């Protein structure tokens, strides 16, 4: 599925979750090497994996 979506709008934050940039409401530091992401329609925070955190930061700023 990851190969079928536009990487400008979608990003894999961990092994099981792909998010849409337009639905990111809030980003907070979770641990030293991971972030907690609040999605507009969600109740819970989604966590980035340590290996995807730096790539996510670059992607979200574009």
N, C-alpha and C. Protein backbone atom coordinates (compact mmCIF):
# COMPACT_ATOMS: atom_id res chain seq x y z
N UNK A 1 0.82 -1.19 0.00
CA UNK A 1 0.00 0.00 0.00
C UNK A 1 0.87 1.26 0.00
N UNK A 2 1.98 1.22 0.69
CA UNK A 2 2.86 2.38 0.78
C UNK A 2 3.32 2.85 -0.60
N UNK A 3 3.52 1.94 -1.52
CA UNK A 3 3.96 2.30 -2.87
C UNK A 3 2.82 2.92 -3.69
N UNK A 4 1.59 2.78 -3.27
CA UNK A 4 0.44 3.28 -4.02
C UNK A 4 0.01 4.68 -3.62
N UNK A 5 0.50 5.20 -2.51
CA UNK A 5 0.08 6.53 -2.06
C UNK A 5 1.17 7.56 -2.37
N UNK A 6 0.77 8.81 -2.45
CA UNK A 6 1.69 9.90 -2.76
C UNK A 6 2.56 10.22 -1.54
N UNK A 7 3.89 10.08 -1.63
CA UNK A 7 4.76 10.33 -0.48
C UNK A 7 4.80 11.79 -0.04
N UNK A 8 4.27 12.69 -0.82
CA UNK A 8 4.17 14.10 -0.40
C UNK A 8 3.15 14.23 0.72
N UNK A 9 2.09 13.42 0.69
CA UNK A 9 0.99 13.51 1.66
C UNK A 9 0.99 12.41 2.71
N UNK A 10 1.60 11.26 2.42
CA UNK A 10 1.54 10.11 3.31
C UNK A 10 2.94 9.68 3.75
N UNK A 11 3.03 9.21 5.01
CA UNK A 11 4.31 8.79 5.55
C UNK A 11 4.11 7.63 6.52
N UNK A 12 4.99 6.63 6.45
CA UNK A 12 4.95 5.51 7.39
C UNK A 12 5.71 5.92 8.65
N UNK A 13 5.00 6.04 9.77
CA UNK A 13 5.63 6.47 11.02
C UNK A 13 6.15 5.30 11.85
N UNK A 14 5.63 4.11 11.58
CA UNK A 14 6.10 2.90 12.25
C UNK A 14 5.73 1.69 11.39
N UNK A 15 5.94 0.52 11.89
CA UNK A 15 5.72 -0.69 11.11
C UNK A 15 4.28 -0.86 10.63
N UNK A 16 3.32 -0.37 11.39
CA UNK A 16 1.92 -0.63 11.07
C UNK A 16 1.08 0.60 10.73
N UNK A 17 1.67 1.79 10.71
CA UNK A 17 0.86 3.00 10.54
C UNK A 17 1.42 3.93 9.47
N UNK A 18 0.54 4.33 8.56
CA UNK A 18 0.83 5.36 7.56
C UNK A 18 -0.12 6.51 7.85
N UNK A 19 0.41 7.73 7.90
CA UNK A 19 -0.44 8.88 8.20
C UNK A 19 -0.47 9.87 7.04
N UNK A 20 -1.53 10.67 7.02
CA UNK A 20 -1.72 11.72 6.03
C UNK A 20 -1.32 13.04 6.67
N UNK A 21 -0.45 13.78 6.02
CA UNK A 21 0.05 15.06 6.56
C UNK A 21 -1.10 16.03 6.88
N UNK A 22 -2.15 16.02 6.10
CA UNK A 22 -3.26 16.95 6.28
C UNK A 22 -4.05 16.68 7.56
N UNK A 23 -3.89 15.50 8.15
CA UNK A 23 -4.66 15.13 9.35
C UNK A 23 -3.85 15.22 10.63
N UNK A 24 -2.60 15.65 10.54
CA UNK A 24 -1.77 15.81 11.74
C UNK A 24 -2.22 17.08 12.47
N UNK A 25 -2.63 16.90 13.72
CA UNK A 25 -3.09 18.04 14.52
C UNK A 25 -2.00 18.57 15.43
N UNK A 26 -1.24 17.66 16.04
CA UNK A 26 -0.26 18.07 17.04
C UNK A 26 0.87 17.05 17.08
N UNK A 27 2.09 17.53 17.32
CA UNK A 27 3.26 16.66 17.45
C UNK A 27 3.97 17.00 18.75
N UNK A 28 4.22 15.97 19.56
CA UNK A 28 4.90 16.16 20.83
C UNK A 28 6.05 15.17 20.95
N UNK A 29 7.02 15.52 21.73
CA UNK A 29 8.12 14.60 22.01
C UNK A 29 7.59 13.50 22.93
N UNK A 30 7.85 12.25 22.57
CA UNK A 30 7.41 11.11 23.39
C UNK A 30 8.58 10.57 24.21
N UNK A 31 9.66 10.27 23.54
CA UNK A 31 10.90 9.88 24.20
C UNK A 31 12.02 10.62 23.48
N UNK A 32 13.24 10.33 23.85
CA UNK A 32 14.38 11.00 23.22
C UNK A 32 14.40 10.78 21.71
N UNK A 33 14.01 9.59 21.27
CA UNK A 33 14.10 9.24 19.85
C UNK A 33 12.77 8.95 19.18
N UNK A 34 11.66 9.37 19.77
CA UNK A 34 10.38 9.16 19.11
C UNK A 34 9.42 10.30 19.43
N UNK A 35 8.40 10.41 18.58
CA UNK A 35 7.42 11.48 18.71
C UNK A 35 6.02 10.90 18.89
N UNK A 36 5.14 11.65 19.53
CA UNK A 36 3.74 11.29 19.64
C UNK A 36 2.97 12.24 18.72
N UNK A 37 2.13 11.67 17.86
CA UNK A 37 1.40 12.45 16.86
C UNK A 37 -0.09 12.34 17.12
N UNK A 38 -0.75 13.47 17.26
CA UNK A 38 -2.21 13.52 17.44
C UNK A 38 -2.84 13.75 16.08
N UNK A 39 -3.75 12.87 15.70
CA UNK A 39 -4.48 12.98 14.44
C UNK A 39 -5.81 13.67 14.72
N UNK A 40 -6.27 14.52 13.83
CA UNK A 40 -7.47 15.33 14.04
C UNK A 40 -8.69 14.54 14.49
N UNK A 41 -8.98 13.41 13.87
CA UNK A 41 -10.18 12.65 14.21
C UNK A 41 -9.93 11.56 15.25
N UNK A 42 -8.71 11.44 15.74
CA UNK A 42 -8.38 10.36 16.67
C UNK A 42 -8.36 10.80 18.11
N UNK A 43 -8.54 9.85 18.99
CA UNK A 43 -8.49 10.12 20.43
C UNK A 43 -7.11 9.88 21.00
N UNK A 44 -6.40 8.92 20.44
CA UNK A 44 -5.09 8.53 20.95
C UNK A 44 -3.97 9.14 20.13
N UNK A 45 -2.79 9.14 20.70
CA UNK A 45 -1.59 9.57 20.00
C UNK A 45 -0.96 8.37 19.29
N UNK A 46 -0.39 8.60 18.13
CA UNK A 46 0.36 7.60 17.40
C UNK A 46 1.83 7.88 17.62
N UNK A 47 2.63 6.84 17.80
CA UNK A 47 4.06 7.02 18.07
C UNK A 47 4.90 6.66 16.86
N UNK A 48 5.91 7.48 16.62
CA UNK A 48 6.87 7.15 15.55
C UNK A 48 7.86 6.12 16.10
N UNK A 49 8.35 5.28 15.22
CA UNK A 49 9.41 4.36 15.63
C UNK A 49 10.71 5.17 15.69
N UNK A 50 11.66 4.67 16.43
CA UNK A 50 12.93 5.38 16.54
C UNK A 50 13.62 5.51 15.19
N UNK A 51 13.47 4.51 14.36
CA UNK A 51 14.14 4.54 13.06
C UNK A 51 13.47 5.48 12.06
N UNK A 52 12.20 5.85 12.29
CA UNK A 52 11.49 6.73 11.36
C UNK A 52 11.38 8.17 11.84
N UNK A 53 11.78 8.46 13.05
CA UNK A 53 11.58 9.80 13.62
C UNK A 53 12.30 10.90 12.86
N UNK A 54 13.56 10.71 12.55
CA UNK A 54 14.30 11.78 11.84
C UNK A 54 13.74 11.99 10.43
N UNK A 55 13.38 10.93 9.75
CA UNK A 55 12.78 11.05 8.41
C UNK A 55 11.42 11.75 8.49
N UNK A 56 10.65 11.44 9.54
CA UNK A 56 9.35 12.07 9.72
C UNK A 56 9.52 13.57 9.92
N UNK A 57 10.48 13.97 10.74
CA UNK A 57 10.70 15.41 10.98
C UNK A 57 11.02 16.14 9.67
N UNK A 58 11.85 15.55 8.84
CA UNK A 58 12.17 16.15 7.55
C UNK A 58 10.94 16.23 6.66
N UNK A 59 10.15 15.16 6.61
CA UNK A 59 8.96 15.08 5.76
C UNK A 59 7.90 16.10 6.19
N UNK A 60 7.65 16.23 7.49
CA UNK A 60 6.58 17.10 7.98
C UNK A 60 6.90 18.58 7.74
N UNK A 61 8.18 18.92 7.66
CA UNK A 61 8.58 20.31 7.46
C UNK A 61 8.54 20.75 6.00
N UNK A 62 8.39 19.81 5.08
CA UNK A 62 8.34 20.16 3.65
C UNK A 62 7.00 20.72 3.28
